[in-house]
C-alpha atoms as a PDB file:
ATOM      1  CA  UNK A   1    -164.836 -37.782-126.805  1.00  0.00           C
ATOM      2  CA  UNK A   2    -167.646 -35.292-126.670  1.00  0.00           C
ATOM      3  CA  UNK A   3    -169.707 -35.901-129.788  1.00  0.00           C
ATOM      4  CA  UNK A   4    -170.625 -39.431-131.012  1.00  0.00           C
ATOM      5  CA  UNK A   5    -172.617 -41.075-133.703  1.00  0.00           C
ATOM      6  CA  UNK A   6    -175.022 -40.477-135.454  1.00  0.00           C
ATOM      7  CA  UNK A   7    -176.732 -43.406-133.765  1.00  0.00           C
ATOM      8  CA  UNK A   8    -180.213 -44.888-134.287  1.00  0.00           C
ATOM      9  CA  UNK A   9    -182.708 -43.462-131.681  1.00  0.00           C
ATOM     10  CA  UNK A  10    -186.172 -45.149-131.145  1.00  0.00           C
ATOM     11  CA  UNK A  11    -187.469 -41.668-130.441  1.00  0.00           C
ATOM     12  CA  UNK A  12    -185.320 -39.189-132.479  1.00  0.00           C
ATOM     13  CA  UNK A  13    -184.547 -40.893-135.710  1.00  0.00           C
ATOM     14  CA  UNK A  14    -180.778 -40.336-136.561  1.00  0.00           C
ATOM     15  CA  UNK A  15    -179.287 -38.766-133.318  1.00  0.00           C
ATOM     16  CA  UNK A  16    -175.784 -37.275-132.972  1.00  0.00           C
ATOM     17  CA  UNK A  17    -174.893 -37.381-129.332  1.00  0.00           C
ATOM     18  CA  UNK A  18    -173.213 -34.928-127.147  1.00  0.00           C
ATOM     19  CA  UNK A  19    -171.439 -35.976-124.145  1.00  0.00           C
ATOM     20  CA  UNK A  20    -171.218 -32.926-122.148  1.00  0.00           C
ATOM     21  CA  UNK A  21    -170.677 -34.613-118.812  1.00  0.00           C
ATOM     22  CA  UNK A  22    -167.521 -36.595-117.691  1.00  0.00           C
ATOM     23  CA  UNK A  23    -168.190 -40.121-116.796  1.00  0.00           C
ATOM     24  CA  UNK A  24    -169.829 -40.782-114.324  1.00  0.00           C
ATOM     25  CA  UNK A  25    -171.137 -37.445-112.819  1.00  0.00           C
ATOM     26  CA  UNK A  26    -174.845 -37.500-111.962  1.00  0.00           C
ATOM     27  CA  UNK A  27    -177.423 -36.535-109.673  1.00  0.00           C
ATOM     28  CA  UNK A  28    -178.853 -40.131-109.635  1.00  0.00           C
ATOM     29  CA  UNK A  29    -177.151 -43.473-109.519  1.00  0.00           C
ATOM     30  CA  UNK A  30    -180.031 -45.543-111.216  1.00  0.00           C
ATOM     31  CA  UNK A  31    -180.014 -49.268-110.766  1.00  0.00           C
ATOM     32  CA  UNK A  32    -180.641 -49.886-114.481  1.00  0.00           C
ATOM     33  CA  UNK A  33    -178.319 -47.323-115.960  1.00  0.00           C
ATOM     34  CA  UNK A  34    -176.339 -48.554-119.061  1.00  0.00           C
ATOM     35  CA  UNK A  35    -173.287 -46.666-118.160  1.00  0.00           C
ATOM     36  CA  UNK A  36    -172.827 -48.162-114.806  1.00  0.00           C
ATOM     37  CA  UNK A  37    -172.819 -46.902-111.224  1.00  0.00           C
ATOM     38  CA  UNK A  38    -172.302 -43.164-110.452  1.00  0.00           C
ATOM     39  CA  UNK A  39    -168.928 -42.589-108.849  1.00  0.00           C
ATOM     40  CA  UNK A  40    -169.451 -38.733-108.429  1.00  0.00           C
ATOM     41  CA  UNK A  41    -173.083 -38.028-107.140  1.00  0.00           C
ATOM     42  CA  UNK A  42    -173.522 -34.346-107.359  1.00  0.00           C
ATOM     43  CA  UNK A  43    -176.497 -32.024-107.190  1.00  0.00           C
ATOM     44  CA  UNK A  44    -174.812 -28.536-107.827  1.00  0.00           C
ATOM     45  CA  UNK A  45    -174.221 -27.234-111.466  1.00  0.00           C
ATOM     46  CA  UNK A  46    -170.753 -26.307-112.656  1.00  0.00           C
ATOM     47  CA  UNK A  47    -168.814 -25.973-115.675  1.00  0.00           C
ATOM     48  CA  UNK A  48    -167.106 -29.136-117.170  1.00  0.00           C
ATOM     49  CA  UNK A  49    -165.933 -28.731-120.557  1.00  0.00           C
ATOM     50  CA  UNK A  50    -165.289 -25.422-122.272  1.00  0.00           C
ATOM     51  CA  UNK A  51    -168.247 -24.671-124.529  1.00  0.00           C
ATOM     52  CA  UNK A  52    -165.857 -23.868-127.273  1.00  0.00           C
ATOM     53  CA  UNK A  53    -164.541 -27.356-127.057  1.00  0.00           C
ATOM     54  CA  UNK A  54    -167.981 -28.881-127.151  1.00  0.00           C
ATOM     55  CA  UNK A  55    -169.094 -26.725-130.302  1.00  0.00           C
ATOM     56  CA  UNK A  56    -165.872 -27.625-132.090  1.00  0.00           C
ATOM     57  CA  UNK A  57    -166.198 -31.294-131.577  1.00  0.00           C
ATOM     58  CA  UNK A  58    -169.996 -31.368-132.496  1.00  0.00           C
ATOM     59  CA  UNK A  59    -169.230 -29.419-135.787  1.00  0.00           C
ATOM     60  CA  UNK A  60    -166.496 -31.580-136.700  1.00  0.00           C
ATOM     61  CA  UNK A  61    -168.747 -34.750-136.197  1.00  0.00           C
ATOM     62  CA  UNK A  62    -171.569 -33.160-138.142  1.00  0.00           C
ATOM     63  CA  UNK A  63    -169.133 -32.364-141.126  1.00  0.00           C
ATOM     64  CA  UNK A  64    -167.674 -36.120-141.024  1.00  0.00           C
ATOM     65  CA  UNK A  65    -171.237 -37.622-140.788  1.00  0.00           C
ATOM     66  CA  UNK A  66    -172.656 -35.478-143.752  1.00  0.00           C
ATOM     67  CA  UNK A  67    -169.604 -36.195-145.716  1.00  0.00           C
ATOM     68  CA  UNK A  68    -170.284 -39.715-145.343  1.00  0.00           C
ATOM     69  CA  UNK A  69    -173.870 -39.337-146.322  1.00  0.00           C
ATOM     70  CA  UNK A  70    -175.152 -40.003-142.877  1.00  0.00           C
ATOM     71  CA  UNK A  71    -178.319 -37.859-142.000  1.00  0.00           C
ATOM     72  CA  UNK A  72    -178.769 -36.118-138.614  1.00  0.00           C
ATOM     73  CA  UNK A  73    -182.165 -35.514-137.250  1.00  0.00           C
ATOM     74  CA  UNK A  74    -181.173 -34.193-133.799  1.00  0.00           C
ATOM     75  CA  UNK A  75    -178.161 -33.095-131.815  1.00  0.00           C
ATOM     76  CA  UNK A  76    -178.826 -34.697-128.547  1.00  0.00           C
ATOM     77  CA  UNK A  77    -177.471 -34.153-125.122  1.00  0.00           C
ATOM     78  CA  UNK A  78    -177.317 -37.654-123.794  1.00  0.00           C
ATOM     79  CA  UNK A  79    -174.053 -37.891-121.745  1.00  0.00           C
ATOM     80  CA  UNK A  80    -172.403 -40.222-119.204  1.00  0.00           C
ATOM     81  CA  UNK A  81    -174.251 -38.289-116.452  1.00  0.00           C
ATOM     82  CA  UNK A  82    -176.980 -35.697-115.964  1.00  0.00           C
ATOM     83  CA  UNK A  83    -176.740 -33.064-118.693  1.00  0.00           C
ATOM     84  CA  UNK A  84    -178.249 -30.163-116.669  1.00  0.00           C
ATOM     85  CA  UNK A  85    -175.418 -30.383-114.234  1.00  0.00           C
ATOM     86  CA  UNK A  86    -173.424 -28.423-116.993  1.00  0.00           C
ATOM     87  CA  UNK A  87    -173.705 -24.786-116.007  1.00  0.00           C
ATOM     88  CA  UNK A  88    -172.996 -23.882-119.693  1.00  0.00           C
ATOM     89  CA  UNK A  89    -175.689 -26.133-121.346  1.00  0.00           C
ATOM     90  CA  UNK A  90    -177.910 -23.134-122.204  1.00  0.00           C
ATOM     91  CA  UNK A  91    -175.074 -21.234-124.022  1.00  0.00           C
ATOM     92  CA  UNK A  92    -174.224 -24.558-125.890  1.00  0.00           C
ATOM     93  CA  UNK A  93    -177.738 -25.069-127.016  1.00  0.00           C
ATOM     94  CA  UNK A  94    -177.879 -21.487-128.489  1.00  0.00           C
ATOM     95  CA  UNK A  95    -174.626 -21.999-130.317  1.00  0.00           C
ATOM     96  CA  UNK A  96    -175.405 -25.402-131.670  1.00  0.00           C
ATOM     97  CA  UNK A  97    -178.905 -24.256-133.177  1.00  0.00           C
ATOM     98  CA  UNK A  98    -176.954 -22.081-135.599  1.00  0.00           C
ATOM     99  CA  UNK A  99    -176.159 -25.302-137.400  1.00  0.00           C
ATOM    100  CA  UNK A 100    -179.926 -25.609-138.460  1.00  0.00           C
ATOM    101  CA  UNK A 101    -180.313 -29.112-136.626  1.00  0.00           C
ATOM    102  CA  UNK A 102    -182.819 -29.419-133.859  1.00  0.00           C
ATOM    103  CA  UNK A 103    -181.536 -29.935-130.324  1.00  0.00           C
ATOM    104  CA  UNK A 104    -182.899 -32.463-127.859  1.00  0.00           C
ATOM    105  CA  UNK A 105    -181.807 -32.925-124.120  1.00  0.00           C
ATOM    106  CA  UNK A 106    -182.500 -36.315-122.322  1.00  0.00           C
ATOM    107  CA  UNK A 107    -182.514 -35.396-118.718  1.00  0.00           C
ATOM    108  CA  UNK A 108    -183.436 -37.250-115.556  1.00  0.00           C
ATOM    109  CA  UNK A 109    -185.344 -34.044-114.508  1.00  0.00           C
ATOM    110  CA  UNK A 110    -183.964 -34.008-111.066  1.00  0.00           C
ATOM    111  CA  UNK A 111    -182.820 -30.313-111.432  1.00  0.00           C
ATOM    112  CA  UNK A 112    -185.864 -29.103-113.129  1.00  0.00           C
ATOM    113  CA  UNK A 113    -187.153 -27.384-110.027  1.00  0.00           C
ATOM    114  CA  UNK A 114    -184.348 -24.804-110.503  1.00  0.00           C
ATOM    115  CA  UNK A 115    -185.197 -21.628-112.366  1.00  0.00           C
ATOM    116  CA  UNK A 116    -181.750 -21.587-114.329  1.00  0.00           C
ATOM    117  CA  UNK A 117    -182.271 -25.134-115.457  1.00  0.00           C
ATOM    118  CA  UNK A 118    -185.767 -24.606-116.798  1.00  0.00           C
ATOM    119  CA  UNK A 119    -184.519 -21.270-118.480  1.00  0.00           C
ATOM    120  CA  UNK A 120    -181.669 -23.345-120.201  1.00  0.00           C
ATOM    121  CA  UNK A 121    -184.097 -26.132-121.321  1.00  0.00           C
ATOM    122  CA  UNK A 122    -186.426 -23.716-122.809  1.00  0.00           C
ATOM    123  CA  UNK A 123    -184.015 -23.214-125.649  1.00  0.00           C
ATOM    124  CA  UNK A 124    -184.221 -26.985-126.772  1.00  0.00           C
ATOM    125  CA  UNK A 125    -186.474 -28.287-129.308  1.00  0.00           C
ATOM    126  CA  UNK A 126    -187.247 -31.621-127.547  1.00  0.00           C
ATOM    127  CA  UNK A 127    -186.902 -32.504-123.882  1.00  0.00           C
ATOM    128  CA  UNK A 128    -187.194 -35.961-122.294  1.00  0.00           C
ATOM    129  CA  UNK A 129    -187.981 -36.018-118.566  1.00  0.00           C
ATOM    130  CA  UNK A 130    -187.389 -39.307-116.483  1.00  0.00           C
ATOM    131  CA  UNK A 131    -190.394 -40.324-114.273  1.00  0.00           C
ATOM    132  CA  UNK A 132    -189.678 -43.546-112.648  1.00  0.00           C
ATOM    133  CA  UNK A 133    -191.757 -43.430-109.535  1.00  0.00           C
ATOM    134  CA  UNK A 134    -194.222 -41.173-107.602  1.00  0.00           C
ATOM    135  CA  UNK A 135    -193.434 -42.626-104.198  1.00  0.00           C
ATOM    136  CA  UNK A 136    -190.314 -41.613-102.224  1.00  0.00           C
ATOM    137  CA  UNK A 137    -189.446 -45.074-101.228  1.00  0.00           C
ATOM    138  CA  UNK A 138    -189.451 -46.611-104.749  1.00  0.00           C
ATOM    139  CA  UNK A 139    -187.607 -43.368-106.244  1.00  0.00           C
ATOM    140  CA  UNK A 140    -184.815 -43.759-103.835  1.00  0.00           C
ATOM    141  CA  UNK A 141    -184.605 -47.624-104.579  1.00  0.00           C
ATOM    142  CA  UNK A 142    -184.636 -47.114-108.353  1.00  0.00           C
ATOM    143  CA  UNK A 143    -182.917 -43.933-108.918  1.00  0.00           C
ATOM    144  CA  UNK A 144    -180.756 -43.685-105.797  1.00  0.00           C
ATOM    145  CA  UNK A 145    -180.703 -39.798-105.802  1.00  0.00           C
ATOM    146  CA  UNK A 146    -178.273 -37.229-104.192  1.00  0.00           C
ATOM    147  CA  UNK A 147    -179.284 -36.769-100.607  1.00  0.00           C
ATOM    148  CA  UNK A 148    -180.082 -33.125-101.239  1.00  0.00           C
ATOM    149  CA  UNK A 149    -182.868 -33.730-103.733  1.00  0.00           C
ATOM    150  CA  UNK A 150    -186.689 -34.056-102.826  1.00  0.00           C
ATOM    151  CA  UNK A 151    -189.081 -35.840-105.145  1.00  0.00           C
ATOM    152  CA  UNK A 152    -192.014 -33.571-104.347  1.00  0.00           C
ATOM    153  CA  UNK A 153    -189.926 -30.574-105.450  1.00  0.00           C
ATOM    154  CA  UNK A 154    -188.871 -32.163-108.637  1.00  0.00           C
ATOM    155  CA  UNK A 155    -192.223 -33.152-109.685  1.00  0.00           C
ATOM    156  CA  UNK A 156    -193.672 -29.624-109.022  1.00  0.00           C
ATOM    157  CA  UNK A 157    -190.723 -28.280-111.225  1.00  0.00           C
ATOM    158  CA  UNK A 158    -191.763 -30.623-113.935  1.00  0.00           C
ATOM    159  CA  UNK A 159    -195.480 -29.327-113.905  1.00  0.00           C
ATOM    160  CA  UNK A 160    -194.049 -25.840-113.835  1.00  0.00           C
ATOM    161  CA  UNK A 161    -191.933 -26.521-116.970  1.00  0.00           C
ATOM    162  CA  UNK A 162    -194.553 -28.235-118.790  1.00  0.00           C
ATOM    163  CA  UNK A 163    -196.783 -25.152-118.705  1.00  0.00           C
ATOM    164  CA  UNK A 164    -194.126 -22.883-120.269  1.00  0.00           C
ATOM    165  CA  UNK A 165    -191.917 -25.070-122.592  1.00  0.00           C
ATOM    166  CA  UNK A 166    -192.797 -24.438-126.226  1.00  0.00           C
ATOM    167  CA  UNK A 167    -191.140 -27.490-127.765  1.00  0.00           C
ATOM    168  CA  UNK A 168    -191.952 -31.121-127.636  1.00  0.00           C
ATOM    169  CA  UNK A 169    -191.982 -32.657-124.053  1.00  0.00           C
ATOM    170  CA  UNK A 170    -191.879 -36.402-123.540  1.00  0.00           C
ATOM    171  CA  UNK A 171    -191.403 -38.497-120.342  1.00  0.00           C
ATOM    172  CA  UNK A 172    -189.797 -41.828-119.932  1.00  0.00           C
ATOM    173  CA  UNK A 173    -190.652 -44.318-117.266  1.00  0.00           C
ATOM    174  CA  UNK A 174    -188.401 -47.299-116.849  1.00  0.00           C
ATOM    175  CA  UNK A 175    -190.132 -50.450-115.611  1.00  0.00           C
ATOM    176  CA  UNK A 176    -188.126 -52.880-113.370  1.00  0.00           C
ATOM    177  CA  UNK A 177    -189.187 -56.367-112.304  1.00  0.00           C
ATOM    178  CA  UNK A 178    -190.610 -56.610-108.905  1.00  0.00           C
ATOM    179  CA  UNK A 179    -190.347 -52.782-108.298  1.00  0.00           C
ATOM    180  CA  UNK A 180    -192.397 -50.947-110.895  1.00  0.00           C
ATOM    181  CA  UNK A 181    -195.479 -52.988-111.327  1.00  0.00           C
ATOM    182  CA  UNK A 182    -197.759 -52.277-108.328  1.00  0.00           C
ATOM    183  CA  UNK A 183    -201.106 -51.347-109.793  1.00  0.00           C
ATOM    184  CA  UNK A 184    -202.102 -48.726-107.418  1.00  0.00           C
ATOM    185  CA  UNK A 185    -198.701 -46.804-107.884  1.00  0.00           C
ATOM    186  CA  UNK A 186    -198.928 -47.181-111.711  1.00  0.00           C
ATOM    187  CA  UNK A 187    -202.458 -45.398-111.404  1.00  0.00           C
ATOM    188  CA  UNK A 188    -201.088 -42.419-109.302  1.00  0.00           C
ATOM    189  CA  UNK A 189    -198.353 -42.230-111.878  1.00  0.00           C
ATOM    190  CA  UNK A 190    -200.633 -42.022-114.653  1.00  0.00           C
ATOM    191  CA  UNK A 191    -202.799 -39.071-112.729  1.00  0.00           C
ATOM    192  CA  UNK A 192    -199.511 -37.169-112.582  1.00  0.00           C
ATOM    193  CA  UNK A 193    -198.640 -37.493-116.127  1.00  0.00           C
ATOM    194  CA  UNK A 194    -202.167 -36.498-117.121  1.00  0.00           C
ATOM    195  CA  UNK A 195    -201.430 -33.267-115.322  1.00  0.00           C
ATOM    196  CA  UNK A 196    -198.076 -33.011-116.945  1.00  0.00           C
ATOM    197  CA  UNK A 197    -199.485 -33.595-120.386  1.00  0.00           C
ATOM    198  CA  UNK A 198    -196.574 -34.596-122.529  1.00  0.00           C
ATOM    199  CA  UNK A 199    -196.799 -35.118-126.039  1.00  0.00           C
ATOM    200  CA  UNK A 200    -195.833 -38.742-125.387  1.00  0.00           C
ATOM    201  CA  UNK A 201    -195.254 -40.829-122.364  1.00  0.00           C
ATOM    202  CA  UNK A 202    -192.638 -43.714-123.227  1.00  0.00           C
ATOM    203  CA  UNK A 203    -192.583 -46.824-121.195  1.00  0.00           C
ATOM    204  CA  UNK A 204    -189.106 -48.346-121.088  1.00  0.00           C
ATOM    205  CA  UNK A 205    -187.665 -51.789-119.917  1.00  0.00           C
ATOM    206  CA  UNK A 206    -183.933 -52.479-119.283  1.00  0.00           C
ATOM    207  CA  UNK A 207    -182.561 -53.503-122.710  1.00  0.00           C
ATOM    208  CA  UNK A 208    -178.746 -53.143-122.231  1.00  0.00           C
ATOM    209  CA  UNK A 209    -176.535 -54.411-119.259  1.00  0.00           C
ATOM    210  CA  UNK A 210    -177.593 -52.479-116.025  1.00  0.00           C
ATOM    211  CA  UNK A 211    -175.512 -51.166-113.354  1.00  0.00           C
ATOM    212  CA  UNK A 212    -176.863 -53.803-110.936  1.00  0.00           C
ATOM    213  CA  UNK A 213    -176.770 -57.421-112.277  1.00  0.00           C
ATOM    214  CA  UNK A 214    -180.026 -58.257-110.362  1.00  0.00           C
ATOM    215  CA  UNK A 215    -182.169 -55.820-112.517  1.00  0.00           C
ATOM    216  CA  UNK A 216    -184.615 -57.577-114.894  1.00  0.00           C
ATOM    217  CA  UNK A 217    -187.308 -56.444-117.123  1.00  0.00           C
ATOM    218  CA  UNK A 218    -190.770 -57.242-115.923  1.00  0.00           C
ATOM    219  CA  UNK A 219    -192.793 -59.915-117.299  1.00  0.00           C
ATOM    220  CA  UNK A 220    -194.730 -59.075-120.470  1.00  0.00           C
ATOM    221  CA  UNK A 221    -198.091 -59.156-118.601  1.00  0.00           C
ATOM    222  CA  UNK A 222    -196.786 -56.539-116.253  1.00  0.00           C
ATOM    223  CA  UNK A 223    -195.462 -54.212-119.086  1.00  0.00           C
ATOM    224  CA  UNK A 224    -198.973 -54.536-120.777  1.00  0.00           C
ATOM    225  CA  UNK A 225    -200.772 -53.586-117.564  1.00  0.00           C
ATOM    226  CA  UNK A 226    -198.555 -50.461-117.167  1.00  0.00           C
ATOM    227  CA  UNK A 227    -199.208 -49.536-120.666  1.00  0.00           C
ATOM    228  CA  UNK A 228    -203.049 -50.027-120.259  1.00  0.00           C
ATOM    229  CA  UNK A 229    -203.124 -48.006-117.073  1.00  0.00           C
ATOM    230  CA  UNK A 230    -201.145 -45.106-118.449  1.00  0.00           C
ATOM    231  CA  UNK A 231    -203.382 -45.203-121.637  1.00  0.00           C
ATOM    232  CA  UNK A 232    -206.401 -44.668-119.740  1.00  0.00           C
ATOM    233  CA  UNK A 233    -205.124 -41.265-118.869  1.00  0.00           C
ATOM    234  CA  UNK A 234    -203.073 -40.326-121.748  1.00  0.00           C
ATOM    235  CA  UNK A 235    -203.610 -40.308-125.503  1.00  0.00           C
ATOM    236  CA  UNK A 236    -199.909 -41.018-126.706  1.00  0.00           C
ATOM    237  CA  UNK A 237    -198.283 -43.869-124.793  1.00  0.00           C
ATOM    238  CA  UNK A 238    -195.703 -45.946-126.447  1.00  0.00           C
ATOM    239  CA  UNK A 239    -193.412 -48.783-125.663  1.00  0.00           C
ATOM    240  CA  UNK A 240    -189.671 -48.000-125.608  1.00  0.00           C
ATOM    241  CA  UNK A 241    -188.801 -51.636-125.572  1.00  0.00           C
ATOM    242  CA  UNK A 242    -188.024 -52.531-129.174  1.00  0.00           C
ATOM    243  CA  UNK A 243    -184.356 -52.917-130.513  1.00  0.00           C
ATOM    244  CA  UNK A 244    -183.487 -49.637-132.289  1.00  0.00           C
ATOM    245  CA  UNK A 245    -181.623 -51.401-135.154  1.00  0.00           C
ATOM    246  CA  UNK A 246    -178.003 -51.479-136.347  1.00  0.00           C
ATOM    247  CA  UNK A 247    -177.689 -48.461-138.271  1.00  0.00           C
ATOM    248  CA  UNK A 248    -174.746 -46.865-136.534  1.00  0.00           C
ATOM    249  CA  UNK A 249    -172.746 -44.283-138.527  1.00  0.00           C
ATOM    250  CA  UNK A 250    -169.047 -44.604-139.493  1.00  0.00           C
ATOM    251  CA  UNK A 251    -167.401 -41.101-139.518  1.00  0.00           C
ATOM    252  CA  UNK A 252    -163.851 -42.000-140.622  1.00  0.00           C
ATOM    253  CA  UNK A 253    -161.892 -43.621-137.586  1.00  0.00           C
ATOM    254  CA  UNK A 254    -163.364 -46.989-136.671  1.00  0.00           C
ATOM    255  CA  UNK A 255    -161.734 -47.286-133.099  1.00  0.00           C
ATOM    256  CA  UNK A 256    -162.578 -43.812-132.156  1.00  0.00           C
ATOM    257  CA  UNK A 257    -166.164 -44.277-133.395  1.00  0.00           C
ATOM    258  CA  UNK A 258    -166.728 -47.604-131.435  1.00  0.00           C
ATOM    259  CA  UNK A 259    -165.269 -46.225-128.331  1.00  0.00           C
ATOM    260  CA  UNK A 260    -167.317 -42.920-128.469  1.00  0.00           C
ATOM    261  CA  UNK A 261    -170.547 -44.755-129.439  1.00  0.00           C
ATOM    262  CA  UNK A 262    -170.352 -47.405-126.744  1.00  0.00           C
ATOM    263  CA  UNK A 263    -169.496 -44.859-123.906  1.00  0.00           C
ATOM    264  CA  UNK A 264    -173.151 -44.034-123.836  1.00  0.00           C
ATOM    265  CA  UNK A 265    -174.713 -46.457-126.112  1.00  0.00           C
ATOM    266  CA  UNK A 266    -173.847 -50.131-125.610  1.00  0.00           C
ATOM    267  CA  UNK A 267    -173.982 -51.997-128.903  1.00  0.00           C
ATOM    268  CA  UNK A 268    -175.284 -55.527-129.746  1.00  0.00           C
ATOM    269  CA  UNK A 269    -172.950 -57.833-131.394  1.00  0.00           C
ATOM    270  CA  UNK A 270    -174.943 -57.731-134.699  1.00  0.00           C
ATOM    271  CA  UNK A 271    -174.760 -53.868-134.544  1.00  0.00           C
ATOM    272  CA  UNK A 272    -170.971 -53.942-134.240  1.00  0.00           C
ATOM    273  CA  UNK A 273    -170.712 -56.604-137.097  1.00  0.00           C
ATOM    274  CA  UNK A 274    -172.757 -54.350-139.390  1.00  0.00           C
ATOM    275  CA  UNK A 275    -170.736 -51.284-138.223  1.00  0.00           C
ATOM    276  CA  UNK A 276    -167.402 -52.985-139.060  1.00  0.00           C
ATOM    277  CA  UNK A 277    -168.626 -54.018-142.432  1.00  0.00           C
ATOM    278  CA  UNK A 278    -169.620 -50.406-143.143  1.00  0.00           C
ATOM    279  CA  UNK A 279    -166.290 -49.151-142.166  1.00  0.00           C
ATOM    280  CA  UNK A 280    -164.396 -51.973-144.124  1.00  0.00           C
ATOM    281  CA  UNK A 281    -162.911 -53.369-140.953  1.00  0.00           C
ATOM    282  CA  UNK A 282    -162.974 -56.706-139.222  1.00  0.00           C
ATOM    283  CA  UNK A 283    -163.239 -58.089-135.657  1.00  0.00           C
ATOM    284  CA  UNK A 284    -159.684 -57.841-135.086  1.00  0.00           C
ATOM    285  CA  UNK A 285    -160.337 -54.049-134.377  1.00  0.00           C
ATOM    286  CA  UNK A 286    -162.798 -55.085-131.617  1.00  0.00           C
ATOM    287  CA  UNK A 287    -160.302 -57.863-130.195  1.00  0.00           C
ATOM    288  CA  UNK A 288    -157.540 -55.261-130.031  1.00  0.00           C
ATOM    289  CA  UNK A 289    -159.744 -52.670-128.288  1.00  0.00           C
ATOM    290  CA  UNK A 290    -160.656 -55.536-125.620  1.00  0.00           C
ATOM    291  CA  UNK A 291    -157.043 -56.464-125.299  1.00  0.00           C
ATOM    292  CA  UNK A 292    -156.120 -52.720-124.595  1.00  0.00           C
ATOM    293  CA  UNK A 293    -158.974 -52.728-122.008  1.00  0.00           C
ATOM    294  CA  UNK A 294    -160.775 -49.981-123.918  1.00  0.00           C
ATOM    295  CA  UNK A 295    -163.791 -52.103-124.754  1.00  0.00           C
ATOM    296  CA  UNK A 296    -165.599 -55.028-122.737  1.00  0.00           C
ATOM    297  CA  UNK A 297    -167.966 -57.656-123.817  1.00  0.00           C
ATOM    298  CA  UNK A 298    -171.043 -58.269-121.539  1.00  0.00           C
ATOM    299  CA  UNK A 299    -173.993 -60.570-121.579  1.00  0.00           C
ATOM    300  CA  UNK A 300    -177.578 -59.532-121.020  1.00  0.00           C
ATOM    301  CA  UNK A 301    -180.876 -61.298-121.846  1.00  0.00           C
ATOM    302  CA  UNK A 302    -179.175 -63.691-124.209  1.00  0.00           C
ATOM    303  CA  UNK A 303    -177.536 -61.067-126.265  1.00  0.00           C
ATOM    304  CA  UNK A 304    -173.801 -59.996-126.367  1.00  0.00           C
ATOM    305  CA  UNK A 305    -173.169 -56.284-125.722  1.00  0.00           C
ATOM    306  CA  UNK A 306    -169.968 -54.152-126.256  1.00  0.00           C
ATOM    307  CA  UNK A 307    -169.362 -51.278-123.916  1.00  0.00           C
ATOM    308  CA  UNK A 308    -166.544 -48.709-123.382  1.00  0.00           C
ATOM    309  CA  UNK A 309    -164.330 -49.726-120.544  1.00  0.00           C
ATOM    310  CA  UNK A 310    -163.950 -46.879-117.995  1.00  0.00           C
ATOM    311  CA  UNK A 311    -160.753 -46.794-115.874  1.00  0.00           C
ATOM    312  CA  UNK A 312    -159.944 -50.187-117.106  1.00  0.00           C
ATOM    313  CA  UNK A 313    -162.940 -51.918-115.549  1.00  0.00           C
ATOM    314  CA  UNK A 314    -166.703 -52.356-116.247  1.00  0.00           C
ATOM    315  CA  UNK A 315    -168.563 -50.037-113.979  1.00  0.00           C
END
């Protein structure tokens, strides 16, 4: 399932997701990733799906969503891995823009040092770059990158991209308890972001079950300190820690929609309940998917979440 949603996005309104990378191929294996640990750590770009297959699936989802009265603000590349590993992403963006809907890419930025990646991302309307640390030690601890990647080269690539990108550039920084709360490091990160000059710098915390079960959000006081440090250097800093709501779209097939959404966007129990009500279905659908090992239930921070089950187990 390549296209999913539309789903409620805290940054993009109503976002129709595009899953252009097979699970879970990535340049990073972040400790907090909601999709789980990376099983194929890769730094070289290559084709994965045929562009025609991606375009066809997205067009079908757009048609179904609009038929059901579901608005779409963005077509968003937000896959089970790093979207810029897809060597065809530039071509896919070009073809999708003919639909008249803005295109967003949520990337970890690890390949932004490459000329071809920057050229491809220039086609998008909105790009989010991950920036979790400015120090190699904590970068390796949090993001667990492919051994060929170098943090300094990546940061330079981000600066180069920010100077030429005509669209809206934002950053996302994940704050993790006992790792991302050093005041001096936060100040260095704020200095870098000041040079990067994004339209917004988002501060996030883990809000869904992470890849490593020991990962926890920082204390509220530490989140506030990070915000204040960033705000000293940047005009637009926002928390990305609120719940995005339960307005998930039903596009005609309740089982298919649940599996496709939860493959990259775990849903709270309340969200699933509202979704089922909208679809005219009940919890027997969820129970059957769990029995068939297609869906799993997980607890995190006092909430129950439902996630797609990859390879019969929770990654």
